[in-house]
PDB file of N, CA and C in Angstrom:
ATOM      1  N   TYR A   1      84.609  95.633  94.817  1.00  0.00           N
ATOM      2  CA  TYR A   1      85.920  96.001  95.287  1.00  0.00           C
ATOM      3  C   TYR A   1      86.234  97.420  94.836  1.00  0.00           C
ATOM      4  N   ILE A   2      86.096  97.656  93.543  1.00  0.00           N
ATOM      5  CA  ILE A   2      86.407  98.987  92.997  1.00  0.00           C
ATOM      6  C   ILE A   2      85.463 100.041  93.567  1.00  0.00           C
ATOM      7  N   LEU A   3      84.194  99.698  93.724  1.00  0.00           N
ATOM      8  CA  LEU A   3      83.239 100.670  94.264  1.00  0.00           C
ATOM      9  C   LEU A   3      83.558 101.038  95.711  1.00  0.00           C
ATOM     10  N   LEU A   4      84.165 100.134  96.446  1.00  0.00           N
ATOM     11  CA  LEU A   4      84.482 100.408  97.849  1.00  0.00           C
ATOM     12  C   LEU A   4      85.758 101.212  98.042  1.00  0.00           C
ATOM     13  N   VAL A   5      86.792 100.942  97.237  1.00  0.00           N
ATOM     14  CA  VAL A   5      88.071 101.612  97.480  1.00  0.00           C
ATOM     15  C   VAL A   5      88.654 102.337  96.274  1.00  0.00           C
ATOM     16  N   GLY A   6      88.081 102.140  95.090  1.00  0.00           N
ATOM     17  CA  GLY A   6      88.513 102.919  93.936  1.00  0.00           C
ATOM     18  C   GLY A   6      89.610 102.320  93.078  1.00  0.00           C
ATOM     19  N   TYR A   7      90.005 101.088  93.364  1.00  0.00           N
ATOM     20  CA  TYR A   7      90.994 100.417  92.512  1.00  0.00           C
ATOM     21  C   TYR A   7      90.654  98.927  92.475  1.00  0.00           C
ATOM     22  N   PRO A   8      91.132  98.216  91.443  1.00  0.00           N
ATOM     23  CA  PRO A   8      90.764  96.808  91.283  1.00  0.00           C
ATOM     24  C   PRO A   8      91.531  95.882  92.227  1.00  0.00           C
ATOM     25  N   PRO A   9      90.994  94.690  92.460  1.00  0.00           N
ATOM     26  CA  PRO A   9      91.664  93.740  93.344  1.00  0.00           C
ATOM     27  C   PRO A   9      92.910  93.118  92.731  1.00  0.00           C
ATOM     28  N   PHE A  10      92.977  93.098  91.415  1.00  0.00           N
ATOM     29  CA  PHE A  10      94.115  92.504  90.712  1.00  0.00           C
ATOM     30  C   PHE A  10      94.709  93.555  89.797  1.00  0.00           C
ATOM     31  N   TRP A  11      96.032  93.660  89.808  1.00  0.00           N
ATOM     32  CA  TRP A  11      96.691  94.612  88.915  1.00  0.00           C
ATOM     33  C   TRP A  11      98.140  94.217  88.728  1.00  0.00           C
ATOM     34  N   ASP A  12      98.585  94.288  87.487  1.00  0.00           N
ATOM     35  CA  ASP A  12      99.993  94.101  87.159  1.00  0.00           C
ATOM     36  C   ASP A  12     100.199  94.653  85.761  1.00  0.00           C
ATOM     37  N   GLU A  13     101.344  95.240  85.504  1.00  0.00           N
ATOM     38  CA  GLU A  13     101.642  95.745  84.166  1.00  0.00           C
ATOM     39  C   GLU A  13     101.768  94.606  83.162  1.00  0.00           C
ATOM     40  N   ASP A  14     102.208  93.446  83.633  1.00  0.00           N
ATOM     41  CA  ASP A  14     102.372  92.282  82.772  1.00  0.00           C
ATOM     42  C   ASP A  14     101.068  91.478  82.738  1.00  0.00           C
ATOM     43  N   GLN A  15     100.527  91.281  81.552  1.00  0.00           N
ATOM     44  CA  GLN A  15      99.237  90.621  81.410  1.00  0.00           C
ATOM     45  C   GLN A  15      99.267  89.177  81.917  1.00  0.00           C
ATOM     46  N   HIS A  16     100.346  88.460  81.713  1.00  0.00           N
ATOM     47  CA  HIS A  16     100.434  87.075  82.183  1.00  0.00           C
ATOM     48  C   HIS A  16     100.450  86.999  83.710  1.00  0.00           C
ATOM     49  N   ARG A  17     101.174  87.887  84.357  1.00  0.00           N
ATOM     50  CA  ARG A  17     101.172  87.911  85.828  1.00  0.00           C
ATOM     51  C   ARG A  17      99.794  88.303  86.351  1.00  0.00           C
ATOM     52  N   LEU A  18      99.138  89.236  85.658  1.00  0.00           N
ATOM     53  CA  LEU A  18      97.784  89.629  86.043  1.00  0.00           C
ATOM     54  C   LEU A  18      96.848  88.425  85.976  1.00  0.00           C
ATOM     55  N   TYR A  19      96.884  87.678  84.888  1.00  0.00           N
ATOM     56  CA  TYR A  19      96.035  86.491  84.758  1.00  0.00           C
ATOM     57  C   TYR A  19      96.350  85.471  85.844  1.00  0.00           C
ATOM     58  N   ASN A  20      97.616  85.317  86.174  1.00  0.00           N
ATOM     59  CA  ASN A  20      97.988  84.388  87.245  1.00  0.00           C
ATOM     60  C   ASN A  20      97.417  84.820  88.589  1.00  0.00           C
ATOM     61  N   GLN A  21      97.430  86.121  88.868  1.00  0.00           N
ATOM     62  CA  GLN A  21      96.822  86.634  90.104  1.00  0.00           C
ATOM     63  C   GLN A  21      95.333  86.310  90.136  1.00  0.00           C
ATOM     64  N   ILE A  22      94.659  86.551  89.016  1.00  0.00           N
ATOM     65  CA  ILE A  22      93.217  86.312  88.937  1.00  0.00           C
ATOM     66  C   ILE A  22      92.916  84.833  89.131  1.00  0.00           C
ATOM     67  N   LYS A  23      93.636  83.964  88.421  1.00  0.00           N
ATOM     68  CA  LYS A  23      93.391  82.520  88.524  1.00  0.00           C
ATOM     69  C   LYS A  23      93.678  81.992  89.922  1.00  0.00           C
ATOM     70  N   ALA A  24      94.642  82.584  90.611  1.00  0.00           N
ATOM     71  CA  ALA A  24      94.988  82.151  91.968  1.00  0.00           C
ATOM     72  C   ALA A  24      94.104  82.804  93.025  1.00  0.00           C
ATOM     73  N   GLY A  25      93.345  83.819  92.644  1.00  0.00           N
ATOM     74  CA  GLY A  25      92.552  84.548  93.626  1.00  0.00           C
ATOM     75  C   GLY A  25      93.427  85.317  94.586  1.00  0.00           C
ATOM     76  N   ALA A  26      94.548  85.827  94.089  1.00  0.00           N
ATOM     77  CA  ALA A  26      95.538  86.506  94.930  1.00  0.00           C
ATOM     78  C   ALA A  26      95.227  87.995  95.051  1.00  0.00           C
ATOM     79  N   TYR A  27      94.460  88.342  96.071  1.00  0.00           N
ATOM     80  CA  TYR A  27      94.151  89.739  96.364  1.00  0.00           C
ATOM     81  C   TYR A  27      94.199  89.916  97.875  1.00  0.00           C
ATOM     82  N   ASP A  28      94.221  91.163  98.315  1.00  0.00           N
ATOM     83  CA  ASP A  28      94.224  91.427  99.751  1.00  0.00           C
ATOM     84  C   ASP A  28      93.437  92.697 100.027  1.00  0.00           C
ATOM     85  N   TYR A  29      93.448  93.101 101.270  1.00  0.00           N
ATOM     86  CA  TYR A  29      92.739  94.301 101.711  1.00  0.00           C
ATOM     87  C   TYR A  29      93.744  95.251 102.367  1.00  0.00           C
ATOM     88  N   PRO A  30      94.507  95.989 101.570  1.00  0.00           N
ATOM     89  CA  PRO A  30      95.561  96.838 102.136  1.00  0.00           C
ATOM     90  C   PRO A  30      95.025  98.059 102.891  1.00  0.00           C
ATOM     91  N   SER A  31      95.782  98.453 103.883  1.00  0.00           N
ATOM     92  CA  SER A  31      95.498  99.681 104.638  1.00  0.00           C
ATOM     93  C   SER A  31      96.030 100.864 103.850  1.00  0.00           C
ATOM     94  N   PRO A  32      95.532 102.016 104.049  1.00  0.00           N
ATOM     95  CA  PRO A  32      94.461 102.396 104.970  1.00  0.00           C
ATOM     96  C   PRO A  32      93.076 102.314 104.342  1.00  0.00           C
ATOM     97  N   GLU A  33      92.993 102.062 103.042  1.00  0.00           N
ATOM     98  CA  GLU A  33      91.695 102.105 102.356  1.00  0.00           C
ATOM     99  C   GLU A  33      90.681 101.122 102.935  1.00  0.00           C
ATOM    100  N   TRP A  34      91.131  99.946 103.299  1.00  0.00           N
ATOM    101  CA  TRP A  34      90.211  98.912 103.764  1.00  0.00           C
ATOM    102  C   TRP A  34      89.973  98.953 105.269  1.00  0.00           C
ATOM    103  N   ASP A  35      90.624  99.814 105.990  1.00  0.00           N
ATOM    104  CA  ASP A  35      90.479  99.853 107.450  1.00  0.00           C
ATOM    105  C   ASP A  35      89.060 100.174 107.899  1.00  0.00           C
ATOM    106  N   THR A  36      88.332 100.943 107.120  1.00  0.00           N
ATOM    107  CA  THR A  36      86.984 101.345 107.525  1.00  0.00           C
ATOM    108  C   THR A  36      85.888 100.528 106.847  1.00  0.00           C
ATOM    109  N   VAL A  37      86.260  99.567 106.018  1.00  0.00           N
ATOM    110  CA  VAL A  37      85.277  98.721 105.340  1.00  0.00           C
ATOM    111  C   VAL A  37      84.862  97.603 106.296  1.00  0.00           C
ATOM    112  N   THR A  38      83.577  97.343 106.370  1.00  0.00           N
ATOM    113  CA  THR A  38      83.063  96.360 107.321  1.00  0.00           C
ATOM    114  C   THR A  38      83.486  94.941 106.957  1.00  0.00           C
ATOM    115  N   SER A  39      83.482  94.087 107.953  1.00  0.00           N
ATOM    116  CA  SER A  39      83.817  92.678 107.716  1.00  0.00           C
ATOM    117  C   SER A  39      82.766  92.013 106.834  1.00  0.00           C
ATOM    118  N   GLU A  40      81.519  92.465 106.921  1.00  0.00           N
ATOM    119  CA  GLU A  40      80.467  91.927 106.063  1.00  0.00           C
ATOM    120  C   GLU A  40      80.752  92.234 104.597  1.00  0.00           C
ATOM    121  N   ALA A  41      81.200  93.440 104.315  1.00  0.00           N
ATOM    122  CA  ALA A  41      81.542  93.814 102.940  1.00  0.00           C
ATOM    123  C   ALA A  41      82.722  92.993 102.443  1.00  0.00           C
ATOM    124  N   LYS A  42      83.696  92.761 103.304  1.00  0.00           N
ATOM    125  CA  LYS A  42      84.853  91.948 102.918  1.00  0.00           C
ATOM    126  C   LYS A  42      84.440  90.503 102.654  1.00  0.00           C
ATOM    127  N   ARG A  43      83.516  89.975 103.455  1.00  0.00           N
ATOM    128  CA  ARG A  43      83.027  88.612 103.217  1.00  0.00           C
ATOM    129  C   ARG A  43      82.292  88.531 101.885  1.00  0.00           C
ATOM    130  N   LEU A  44      81.539  89.571 101.542  1.00  0.00           N
ATOM    131  CA  LEU A  44      80.857  89.610 100.248  1.00  0.00           C
ATOM    132  C   LEU A  44      81.870  89.607  99.112  1.00  0.00           C
ATOM    133  N   ILE A  45      82.899  90.432  99.226  1.00  0.00           N
ATOM    134  CA  ILE A  45      83.963  90.462  98.216  1.00  0.00           C
ATOM    135  C   ILE A  45      84.616  89.084  98.114  1.00  0.00           C
ATOM    136  N   ASP A  46      84.934  88.477  99.248  1.00  0.00           N
ATOM    137  CA  ASP A  46      85.543  87.144  99.241  1.00  0.00           C
ATOM    138  C   ASP A  46      84.664  86.138  98.498  1.00  0.00           C
ATOM    139  N   SER A  47      83.361  86.185  98.746  1.00  0.00           N
ATOM    140  CA  SER A  47      82.476  85.232  98.081  1.00  0.00           C
ATOM    141  C   SER A  47      82.377  85.507  96.582  1.00  0.00           C
ATOM    142  N   MET A  48      82.379  86.766  96.187  1.00  0.00           N
ATOM    143  CA  MET A  48      82.276  87.093  94.763  1.00  0.00           C
ATOM    144  C   MET A  48      83.568  86.827  94.005  1.00  0.00           C
ATOM    145  N   LEU A  49      84.704  86.873  94.684  1.00  0.00           N
ATOM    146  CA  LEU A  49      85.988  86.652  94.022  1.00  0.00           C
ATOM    147  C   LEU A  49      86.522  85.235  94.243  1.00  0.00           C
ATOM    148  N   ASN A  50      85.696  84.361  94.788  1.00  0.00           N
ATOM    149  CA  ASN A  50      86.120  82.984  95.006  1.00  0.00           C
ATOM    150  C   ASN A  50      86.469  82.343  93.669  1.00  0.00           C
ATOM    151  N   ILE A  51      87.616  81.666  93.599  1.00  0.00           N
ATOM    152  CA  ILE A  51      88.040  81.083  92.323  1.00  0.00           C
ATOM    153  C   ILE A  51      87.221  79.846  91.956  1.00  0.00           C
ATOM    154  N   ASN A  52      86.507  79.283  92.906  1.00  0.00           N
ATOM    155  CA  ASN A  52      85.643  78.136  92.646  1.00  0.00           C
ATOM    156  C   ASN A  52      84.249  78.649  92.281  1.00  0.00           C
ATOM    157  N   PRO A  53      83.822  78.484  91.027  1.00  0.00           N
ATOM    158  CA  PRO A  53      82.529  79.028  90.597  1.00  0.00           C
ATOM    159  C   PRO A  53      81.345  78.527  91.418  1.00  0.00           C
ATOM    160  N   SER A  54      81.397  77.299  91.903  1.00  0.00           N
ATOM    161  CA  SER A  54      80.271  76.765  92.669  1.00  0.00           C
ATOM    162  C   SER A  54      80.170  77.386  94.057  1.00  0.00           C
ATOM    163  N   ARG A  55      81.198  78.093  94.494  1.00  0.00           N
ATOM    164  CA  ARG A  55      81.185  78.740  95.811  1.00  0.00           C
ATOM    165  C   ARG A  55      80.879  80.227  95.742  1.00  0.00           C
ATOM    166  N   ARG A  56      80.663  80.742  94.548  1.00  0.00           N
ATOM    167  CA  ARG A  56      80.389  82.175  94.415  1.00  0.00           C
ATOM    168  C   ARG A  56      78.963  82.495  94.794  1.00  0.00           C
TER     169      ARG A  56
END
């Protein structure tokens, strides 16, 4: 994720909210940075960030 757009998928100033985002798998692909990223790359990110370890 960071290598593709230069910032992390999860971010919050509050550490507890950050952990909640991570545990929920709450990330997105905001424009305009992600507009030129291929769907294959997004599927790879989705699989690597899956909250279910057996699905990674």
